[in-house]
mmCIF file of all heavy atoms, coordinates in Angstrom:
data_MODEL
# 
_entry.id   MODEL 
# 
loop_
_atom_site.group_PDB 
_atom_site.id 
_atom_site.type_symbol 
_atom_site.label_atom_id 
_atom_site.label_alt_id 
_atom_site.label_comp_id 
_atom_site.label_asym_id 
_atom_site.label_entity_id 
_atom_site.label_seq_id 
_atom_site.pdbx_PDB_ins_code 
_atom_site.Cartn_x 
_atom_site.Cartn_y 
_atom_site.Cartn_z 
_atom_site.occupancy 
_atom_site.B_iso_or_equiv 
_atom_site.pdbx_formal_charge 
_atom_site.auth_seq_id 
_atom_site.auth_comp_id 
_atom_site.auth_asym_id 
_atom_site.auth_atom_id 
_atom_site.pdbx_PDB_model_num 
ATOM 1   N N   . GLY A 1 1  ? 60.303 57.236 7.707  1.00 0.00 ? 1  GLY A N   1 
ATOM 2   C CA  . GLY A 1 1  ? 59.046 57.222 6.972  1.00 0.00 ? 1  GLY A CA  1 
ATOM 3   C C   . GLY A 1 1  ? 58.115 58.365 7.324  1.00 0.00 ? 1  GLY A C   1 
ATOM 4   O O   . GLY A 1 1  ? 56.899 58.278 7.115  1.00 0.00 ? 1  GLY A O   1 
ATOM 5   N N   . VAL A 1 2  ? 58.684 59.451 7.864  1.00 0.00 ? 2  VAL A N   1 
ATOM 6   C CA  . VAL A 1 2  ? 57.887 60.602 8.283  1.00 0.00 ? 2  VAL A CA  1 
ATOM 7   C C   . VAL A 1 2  ? 58.246 61.813 7.424  1.00 0.00 ? 2  VAL A C   1 
ATOM 8   O O   . VAL A 1 2  ? 59.421 62.089 7.191  1.00 0.00 ? 2  VAL A O   1 
ATOM 9   C CB  . VAL A 1 2  ? 58.124 60.935 9.773  1.00 0.00 ? 2  VAL A CB  1 
ATOM 10  C CG1 . VAL A 1 2  ? 57.418 62.226 10.159 1.00 0.00 ? 2  VAL A CG1 1 
ATOM 11  C CG2 . VAL A 1 2  ? 57.637 59.787 10.653 1.00 0.00 ? 2  VAL A CG2 1 
ATOM 12  N N   . THR A 1 3  ? 57.238 62.515 6.942  1.00 0.00 ? 3  THR A N   1 
ATOM 13  C CA  . THR A 1 3  ? 57.427 63.761 6.198  1.00 0.00 ? 3  THR A CA  1 
ATOM 14  C C   . THR A 1 3  ? 56.804 64.899 6.987  1.00 0.00 ? 3  THR A C   1 
ATOM 15  O O   . THR A 1 3  ? 55.685 64.769 7.497  1.00 0.00 ? 3  THR A O   1 
ATOM 16  C CB  . THR A 1 3  ? 56.777 63.682 4.807  1.00 0.00 ? 3  THR A CB  1 
ATOM 17  O OG1 . THR A 1 3  ? 57.365 62.608 4.068  1.00 0.00 ? 3  THR A OG1 1 
ATOM 18  C CG2 . THR A 1 3  ? 56.981 64.977 4.034  1.00 0.00 ? 3  THR A CG2 1 
ATOM 19  N N   . LEU A 1 4  ? 57.518 66.006 7.104  1.00 0.00 ? 4  LEU A N   1 
ATOM 20  C CA  . LEU A 1 4  ? 57.057 67.169 7.851  1.00 0.00 ? 4  LEU A CA  1 
ATOM 21  C C   . LEU A 1 4  ? 56.682 68.278 6.868  1.00 0.00 ? 4  LEU A C   1 
ATOM 22  O O   . LEU A 1 4  ? 57.504 68.681 6.048  1.00 0.00 ? 4  LEU A O   1 
ATOM 23  C CB  . LEU A 1 4  ? 58.171 67.632 8.789  1.00 0.00 ? 4  LEU A CB  1 
ATOM 24  C CG  . LEU A 1 4  ? 57.885 68.824 9.700  1.00 0.00 ? 4  LEU A CG  1 
ATOM 25  C CD1 . LEU A 1 4  ? 56.768 68.495 10.675 1.00 0.00 ? 4  LEU A CD1 1 
ATOM 26  C CD2 . LEU A 1 4  ? 59.162 69.216 10.459 1.00 0.00 ? 4  LEU A CD2 1 
ATOM 27  N N   . LEU A 1 5  ? 55.456 68.745 6.959  1.00 0.00 ? 5  LEU A N   1 
ATOM 28  C CA  . LEU A 1 5  ? 54.988 69.792 6.059  1.00 0.00 ? 5  LEU A CA  1 
ATOM 29  C C   . LEU A 1 5  ? 54.974 71.146 6.763  1.00 0.00 ? 5  LEU A C   1 
ATOM 30  O O   . LEU A 1 5  ? 54.343 71.299 7.821  1.00 0.00 ? 5  LEU A O   1 
ATOM 31  C CB  . LEU A 1 5  ? 53.566 69.485 5.553  1.00 0.00 ? 5  LEU A CB  1 
ATOM 32  C CG  . LEU A 1 5  ? 53.353 68.162 4.820  1.00 0.00 ? 5  LEU A CG  1 
ATOM 33  C CD1 . LEU A 1 5  ? 51.929 68.107 4.247  1.00 0.00 ? 5  LEU A CD1 1 
ATOM 34  C CD2 . LEU A 1 5  ? 54.380 67.956 3.715  1.00 0.00 ? 5  LEU A CD2 1 
ATOM 35  N N   . HIS A 1 6  ? 55.650 72.102 6.177  1.00 0.00 ? 6  HIS A N   1 
ATOM 36  C CA  . HIS A 1 6  ? 55.544 73.483 6.640  1.00 0.00 ? 6  HIS A CA  1 
ATOM 37  C C   . HIS A 1 6  ? 54.141 73.977 6.320  1.00 0.00 ? 6  HIS A C   1 
ATOM 38  O O   . HIS A 1 6  ? 53.600 73.710 5.236  1.00 0.00 ? 6  HIS A O   1 
ATOM 39  C CB  . HIS A 1 6  ? 56.595 74.350 5.946  1.00 0.00 ? 6  HIS A CB  1 
ATOM 40  C CG  . HIS A 1 6  ? 56.407 75.810 6.145  1.00 0.00 ? 6  HIS A CG  1 
ATOM 41  N ND1 . HIS A 1 6  ? 56.065 76.373 7.359  1.00 0.00 ? 6  HIS A ND1 1 
ATOM 42  C CD2 . HIS A 1 6  ? 56.497 76.856 5.254  1.00 0.00 ? 6  HIS A CD2 1 
ATOM 43  C CE1 . HIS A 1 6  ? 55.963 77.679 7.222  1.00 0.00 ? 6  HIS A CE1 1 
ATOM 44  N NE2 . HIS A 1 6  ? 56.216 77.995 5.970  1.00 0.00 ? 6  HIS A NE2 1 
ATOM 45  N N   . CYS A 1 7  ? 53.546 74.703 7.247  1.00 0.00 ? 7  CYS A N   1 
ATOM 46  C CA  . CYS A 1 7  ? 52.155 75.133 7.058  1.00 0.00 ? 7  CYS A CA  1 
ATOM 47  C C   . CYS A 1 7  ? 51.908 76.394 7.872  1.00 0.00 ? 7  CYS A C   1 
ATOM 48  O O   . CYS A 1 7  ? 52.458 76.562 8.963  1.00 0.00 ? 7  CYS A O   1 
ATOM 49  C CB  . CYS A 1 7  ? 51.214 74.011 7.530  1.00 0.00 ? 7  CYS A CB  1 
ATOM 50  S SG  . CYS A 1 7  ? 49.458 74.414 7.460  1.00 0.00 ? 7  CYS A SG  1 
ATOM 51  N N   . VAL A 1 8  ? 51.101 77.289 7.332  1.00 0.00 ? 8  VAL A N   1 
ATOM 52  C CA  . VAL A 1 8  ? 50.568 78.421 8.089  1.00 0.00 ? 8  VAL A CA  1 
ATOM 53  C C   . VAL A 1 8  ? 49.076 78.175 8.237  1.00 0.00 ? 8  VAL A C   1 
ATOM 54  O O   . VAL A 1 8  ? 48.337 78.135 7.249  1.00 0.00 ? 8  VAL A O   1 
ATOM 55  C CB  . VAL A 1 8  ? 50.830 79.768 7.379  1.00 0.00 ? 8  VAL A CB  1 
ATOM 56  C CG1 . VAL A 1 8  ? 50.132 80.909 8.112  1.00 0.00 ? 8  VAL A CG1 1 
ATOM 57  C CG2 . VAL A 1 8  ? 52.330 80.032 7.284  1.00 0.00 ? 8  VAL A CG2 1 
ATOM 58  N N   . THR A 1 9  ? 48.624 77.977 9.476  1.00 0.00 ? 9  THR A N   1 
ATOM 59  C CA  . THR A 1 9  ? 47.234 77.620 9.726  1.00 0.00 ? 9  THR A CA  1 
ATOM 60  C C   . THR A 1 9  ? 46.384 78.881 9.770  1.00 0.00 ? 9  THR A C   1 
ATOM 61  O O   . THR A 1 9  ? 46.056 79.418 10.835 1.00 0.00 ? 9  THR A O   1 
ATOM 62  C CB  . THR A 1 9  ? 47.104 76.815 11.031 1.00 0.00 ? 9  THR A CB  1 
ATOM 63  O OG1 . THR A 1 9  ? 47.970 75.685 10.940 1.00 0.00 ? 9  THR A OG1 1 
ATOM 64  C CG2 . THR A 1 9  ? 45.676 76.304 11.214 1.00 0.00 ? 9  THR A CG2 1 
ATOM 65  N N   . SER A 1 10 ? 46.049 79.349 8.598  1.00 0.00 ? 10 SER A N   1 
ATOM 66  C CA  . SER A 1 10 ? 45.171 80.495 8.425  1.00 0.00 ? 10 SER A CA  1 
ATOM 67  C C   . SER A 1 10 ? 44.481 80.319 7.079  1.00 0.00 ? 10 SER A C   1 
ATOM 68  O O   . SER A 1 10 ? 45.079 79.804 6.139  1.00 0.00 ? 10 SER A O   1 
ATOM 69  C CB  . SER A 1 10 ? 45.976 81.800 8.448  1.00 0.00 ? 10 SER A CB  1 
ATOM 70  O OG  . SER A 1 10 ? 45.141 82.920 8.273  1.00 0.00 ? 10 SER A OG  1 
ATOM 71  N N   . TYR A 1 11 ? 43.199 80.710 6.998  1.00 0.00 ? 11 TYR A N   1 
ATOM 72  C CA  . TYR A 1 11 ? 42.403 80.434 5.798  1.00 0.00 ? 11 TYR A CA  1 
ATOM 73  C C   . TYR A 1 11 ? 41.763 81.716 5.283  1.00 0.00 ? 11 TYR A C   1 
ATOM 74  O O   . TYR A 1 11 ? 40.742 82.137 5.818  1.00 0.00 ? 11 TYR A O   1 
ATOM 75  C CB  . TYR A 1 11 ? 41.322 79.398 6.128  1.00 0.00 ? 11 TYR A CB  1 
ATOM 76  C CG  . TYR A 1 11 ? 41.885 78.112 6.667  1.00 0.00 ? 11 TYR A CG  1 
ATOM 77  C CD1 . TYR A 1 11 ? 42.173 77.981 8.019  1.00 0.00 ? 11 TYR A CD1 1 
ATOM 78  C CD2 . TYR A 1 11 ? 42.149 77.037 5.837  1.00 0.00 ? 11 TYR A CD2 1 
ATOM 79  C CE1 . TYR A 1 11 ? 42.712 76.802 8.518  1.00 0.00 ? 11 TYR A CE1 1 
ATOM 80  C CE2 . TYR A 1 11 ? 42.678 75.857 6.322  1.00 0.00 ? 11 TYR A CE2 1 
ATOM 81  C CZ  . TYR A 1 11 ? 42.956 75.749 7.670  1.00 0.00 ? 11 TYR A CZ  1 
ATOM 82  O OH  . TYR A 1 11 ? 43.483 74.578 8.163  1.00 0.00 ? 11 TYR A OH  1 
ATOM 83  N N   . PRO A 1 12 ? 42.381 82.352 4.265  1.00 0.00 ? 12 PRO A N   1 
ATOM 84  C CA  . PRO A 1 12 ? 43.606 81.947 3.575  1.00 0.00 ? 12 PRO A CA  1 
ATOM 85  C C   . PRO A 1 12 ? 44.852 82.359 4.362  1.00 0.00 ? 12 PRO A C   1 
ATOM 86  O O   . PRO A 1 12 ? 44.784 83.208 5.260  1.00 0.00 ? 12 PRO A O   1 
ATOM 87  C CB  . PRO A 1 12 ? 43.517 82.713 2.260  1.00 0.00 ? 12 PRO A CB  1 
ATOM 88  C CG  . PRO A 1 12 ? 42.779 83.972 2.622  1.00 0.00 ? 12 PRO A CG  1 
ATOM 89  C CD  . PRO A 1 12 ? 41.770 83.553 3.662  1.00 0.00 ? 12 PRO A CD  1 
ATOM 90  N N   . ALA A 1 13 ? 45.985 81.767 3.984  1.00 0.00 ? 13 ALA A N   1 
ATOM 91  C CA  . ALA A 1 13 ? 47.261 82.134 4.593  1.00 0.00 ? 13 ALA A CA  1 
ATOM 92  C C   . ALA A 1 13 ? 47.839 83.316 3.817  1.00 0.00 ? 13 ALA A C   1 
ATOM 93  O O   . ALA A 1 13 ? 48.015 83.229 2.600  1.00 0.00 ? 13 ALA A O   1 
ATOM 94  C CB  . ALA A 1 13 ? 48.225 80.956 4.548  1.00 0.00 ? 13 ALA A CB  1 
ATOM 95  N N   . PRO A 1 14 ? 48.130 84.428 4.485  1.00 0.00 ? 14 PRO A N   1 
ATOM 96  C CA  . PRO A 1 14 ? 48.735 85.565 3.772  1.00 0.00 ? 14 PRO A CA  1 
ATOM 97  C C   . PRO A 1 14 ? 50.078 85.135 3.183  1.00 0.00 ? 14 PRO A C   1 
ATOM 98  O O   . PRO A 1 14 ? 50.942 84.630 3.904  1.00 0.00 ? 14 PRO A O   1 
ATOM 99  C CB  . PRO A 1 14 ? 48.925 86.616 4.871  1.00 0.00 ? 14 PRO A CB  1 
ATOM 100 C CG  . PRO A 1 14 ? 47.981 86.206 5.968  1.00 0.00 ? 14 PRO A CG  1 
ATOM 101 C CD  . PRO A 1 14 ? 47.927 84.721 5.921  1.00 0.00 ? 14 PRO A CD  1 
ATOM 102 N N   . GLU A 1 15 ? 50.258 85.315 1.893  1.00 0.00 ? 15 GLU A N   1 
ATOM 103 C CA  . GLU A 1 15 ? 51.473 84.804 1.244  1.00 0.00 ? 15 GLU A CA  1 
ATOM 104 C C   . GLU A 1 15 ? 52.732 85.433 1.810  1.00 0.00 ? 15 GLU A C   1 
ATOM 105 O O   . GLU A 1 15 ? 53.790 84.792 1.872  1.00 0.00 ? 15 GLU A O   1 
ATOM 106 C CB  . GLU A 1 15 ? 51.401 84.987 -0.266 1.00 0.00 ? 15 GLU A CB  1 
ATOM 107 C CG  . GLU A 1 15 ? 51.339 86.420 -0.736 1.00 0.00 ? 15 GLU A CG  1 
ATOM 108 C CD  . GLU A 1 15 ? 51.258 86.530 -2.258 1.00 0.00 ? 15 GLU A CD  1 
ATOM 109 O OE1 . GLU A 1 15 ? 50.593 85.698 -2.903 1.00 0.00 ? 15 GLU A OE1 1 
ATOM 110 O OE2 . GLU A 1 15 ? 51.864 87.469 -2.795 1.00 0.00 ? 15 GLU A OE2 1 
ATOM 111 N N   . GLU A 1 16 ? 52.643 86.687 2.268  1.00 0.00 ? 16 GLU A N   1 
ATOM 112 C CA  . GLU A 1 16 ? 53.845 87.344 2.805  1.00 0.00 ? 16 GLU A CA  1 
ATOM 113 C C   . GLU A 1 16 ? 54.260 86.758 4.162  1.00 0.00 ? 16 GLU A C   1 
ATOM 114 O O   . GLU A 1 16 ? 55.338 87.055 4.665  1.00 0.00 ? 16 GLU A O   1 
ATOM 115 C CB  . GLU A 1 16 ? 53.626 88.848 2.942  1.00 0.00 ? 16 GLU A CB  1 
ATOM 116 C CG  . GLU A 1 16 ? 52.598 89.276 3.962  1.00 0.00 ? 16 GLU A CG  1 
ATOM 117 C CD  . GLU A 1 16 ? 51.167 89.266 3.433  1.00 0.00 ? 16 GLU A CD  1 
ATOM 118 O OE1 . GLU A 1 16 ? 50.944 88.753 2.313  1.00 0.00 ? 16 GLU A OE1 1 
ATOM 119 O OE2 . GLU A 1 16 ? 50.288 89.800 4.133  1.00 0.00 ? 16 GLU A OE2 1 
ATOM 120 N N   . GLU A 1 17 ? 53.401 85.908 4.756  1.00 0.00 ? 17 GLU A N   1 
ATOM 121 C CA  . GLU A 1 17 ? 53.727 85.250 6.025  1.00 0.00 ? 17 GLU A CA  1 
ATOM 122 C C   . GLU A 1 17 ? 54.124 83.789 5.821  1.00 0.00 ? 17 GLU A C   1 
ATOM 123 O O   . GLU A 1 17 ? 54.377 83.079 6.800  1.00 0.00 ? 17 GLU A O   1 
ATOM 124 C CB  . GLU A 1 17 ? 52.538 85.333 6.986  1.00 0.00 ? 17 GLU A CB  1 
ATOM 125 C CG  . GLU A 1 17 ? 52.175 86.754 7.388  1.00 0.00 ? 17 GLU A CG  1 
ATOM 126 C CD  . GLU A 1 17 ? 50.987 86.819 8.335  1.00 0.00 ? 17 GLU A CD  1 
ATOM 127 O OE1 . GLU A 1 17 ? 50.638 85.762 8.916  1.00 0.00 ? 17 GLU A OE1 1 
ATOM 128 O OE2 . GLU A 1 17 ? 50.406 87.906 8.498  1.00 0.00 ? 17 GLU A OE2 1 
ATOM 129 N N   . CYS A 1 18 ? 54.214 83.337 4.572  1.00 0.00 ? 18 CYS A N   1 
ATOM 130 C CA  . CYS A 1 18 ? 54.406 81.915 4.314  1.00 0.00 ? 18 CYS A CA  1 
ATOM 131 C C   . CYS A 1 18 ? 55.817 81.409 4.607  1.00 0.00 ? 18 CYS A C   1 
ATOM 132 O O   . CYS A 1 18 ? 56.010 80.215 4.815  1.00 0.00 ? 18 CYS A O   1 
ATOM 133 C CB  . CYS A 1 18 ? 53.998 81.583 2.878  1.00 0.00 ? 18 CYS A CB  1 
ATOM 134 S SG  . CYS A 1 18 ? 52.200 81.533 2.668  1.00 0.00 ? 18 CYS A SG  1 
ATOM 135 N N   . ASN A 1 19 ? 56.827 82.294 4.555  1.00 0.00 ? 19 ASN A N   1 
ATOM 136 C CA  . ASN A 1 19 ? 58.165 81.933 5.028  1.00 0.00 ? 19 ASN A CA  1 
ATOM 137 C C   . ASN A 1 19 ? 58.668 80.645 4.368  1.00 0.00 ? 19 ASN A C   1 
ATOM 138 O O   . ASN A 1 19 ? 59.024 79.667 5.043  1.00 0.00 ? 19 ASN A O   1 
ATOM 139 C CB  . ASN A 1 19 ? 58.138 81.783 6.556  1.00 0.00 ? 19 ASN A CB  1 
ATOM 140 C CG  . ASN A 1 19 ? 59.523 81.802 7.185  1.00 0.00 ? 19 ASN A CG  1 
ATOM 141 O OD1 . ASN A 1 19 ? 60.533 82.030 6.506  1.00 0.00 ? 19 ASN A OD1 1 
ATOM 142 N ND2 . ASN A 1 19 ? 59.588 81.535 8.471  1.00 0.00 ? 19 ASN A ND2 1 
ATOM 143 N N   . ALA A 1 20 ? 58.724 80.644 3.044  1.00 0.00 ? 20 ALA A N   1 
ATOM 144 C CA  . ALA A 1 20 ? 59.058 79.420 2.297  1.00 0.00 ? 20 ALA A CA  1 
ATOM 145 C C   . ALA A 1 20 ? 60.441 78.872 2.643  1.00 0.00 ? 20 ALA A C   1 
ATOM 146 O O   . ALA A 1 20 ? 60.672 77.662 2.531  1.00 0.00 ? 20 ALA A O   1 
ATOM 147 C CB  . ALA A 1 20 ? 58.970 79.702 0.792  1.00 0.00 ? 20 ALA A CB  1 
ATOM 148 N N   . ARG A 1 21 ? 61.362 79.726 3.059  1.00 0.00 ? 21 ARG A N   1 
ATOM 149 C CA  . ARG A 1 21 ? 62.704 79.243 3.429  1.00 0.00 ? 21 ARG A CA  1 
ATOM 150 C C   . ARG A 1 21 ? 62.658 78.259 4.601  1.00 0.00 ? 21 ARG A C   1 
ATOM 151 O O   . ARG A 1 21 ? 63.591 77.492 4.820  1.00 0.00 ? 21 ARG A O   1 
ATOM 152 C CB  . ARG A 1 21 ? 63.613 80.421 3.787  1.00 0.00 ? 21 ARG A CB  1 
ATOM 153 C CG  . ARG A 1 21 ? 64.110 81.225 2.582  1.00 0.00 ? 21 ARG A CG  1 
ATOM 154 C CD  . ARG A 1 21 ? 65.238 82.163 2.981  1.00 0.00 ? 21 ARG A CD  1 
ATOM 155 N NE  . ARG A 1 21 ? 65.809 82.848 1.827  1.00 0.00 ? 21 ARG A NE  1 
ATOM 156 C CZ  . ARG A 1 21 ? 65.479 84.080 1.433  1.00 0.00 ? 21 ARG A CZ  1 
ATOM 157 N NH1 . ARG A 1 21 ? 64.571 84.768 2.136  1.00 0.00 ? 21 ARG A NH1 1 
ATOM 158 N NH2 . ARG A 1 21 ? 66.041 84.627 0.373  1.00 0.00 ? 21 ARG A NH2 1 
ATOM 159 N N   . LEU A 1 22 ? 61.556 78.275 5.343  1.00 0.00 ? 22 LEU A N   1 
ATOM 160 C CA  . LEU A 1 22 ? 61.436 77.387 6.493  1.00 0.00 ? 22 LEU A CA  1 
ATOM 161 C C   . LEU A 1 22 ? 61.423 75.918 6.073  1.00 0.00 ? 22 LEU A C   1 
ATOM 162 O O   . LEU A 1 22 ? 61.796 75.039 6.865  1.00 0.00 ? 22 LEU A O   1 
ATOM 163 C CB  . LEU A 1 22 ? 60.169 77.729 7.290  1.00 0.00 ? 22 LEU A CB  1 
ATOM 164 C CG  . LEU A 1 22 ? 60.004 77.074 8.654  1.00 0.00 ? 22 LEU A CG  1 
ATOM 165 C CD1 . LEU A 1 22 ? 61.234 77.281 9.526  1.00 0.00 ? 22 LEU A CD1 1 
ATOM 166 C CD2 . LEU A 1 22 ? 58.767 77.627 9.346  1.00 0.00 ? 22 LEU A CD2 1 
ATOM 167 N N   . VAL A 1 23 ? 61.015 75.625 4.839  1.00 0.00 ? 23 VAL A N   1 
ATOM 168 C CA  . VAL A 1 23 ? 61.048 74.248 4.340  1.00 0.00 ? 23 VAL A CA  1 
ATOM 169 C C   . VAL A 1 23 ? 62.461 73.682 4.461  1.00 0.00 ? 23 VAL A C   1 
ATOM 170 O O   . VAL A 1 23 ? 62.670 72.560 4.937  1.00 0.00 ? 23 VAL A O   1 
ATOM 171 C CB  . VAL A 1 23 ? 60.565 74.189 2.873  1.00 0.00 ? 23 VAL A CB  1 
ATOM 172 C CG1 . VAL A 1 23 ? 60.845 72.822 2.265  1.00 0.00 ? 23 VAL A CG1 1 
ATOM 173 C CG2 . VAL A 1 23 ? 59.075 74.511 2.793  1.00 0.00 ? 23 VAL A CG2 1 
ATOM 174 N N   . SER A 1 24 ? 63.437 74.464 4.042  1.00 0.00 ? 24 SER A N   1 
ATOM 175 C CA  . SER A 1 24 ? 64.838 74.045 4.135  1.00 0.00 ? 24 SER A CA  1 
ATOM 176 C C   . SER A 1 24 ? 65.310 73.992 5.578  1.00 0.00 ? 24 SER A C   1 
ATOM 177 O O   . SER A 1 24 ? 66.015 73.058 5.987  1.00 0.00 ? 24 SER A O   1 
ATOM 178 C CB  . SER A 1 24 ? 65.716 75.004 3.333  1.00 0.00 ? 24 SER A CB  1 
ATOM 179 O OG  . SER A 1 24 ? 67.077 74.681 3.457  1.00 0.00 ? 24 SER A OG  1 
# 
């Protein structure tokens, strides 16, 4: 019952640092 969210803690988060493949 736990979901893990990938996140870059920066406001705003630079999109080139978002590393979307990390979700997988």
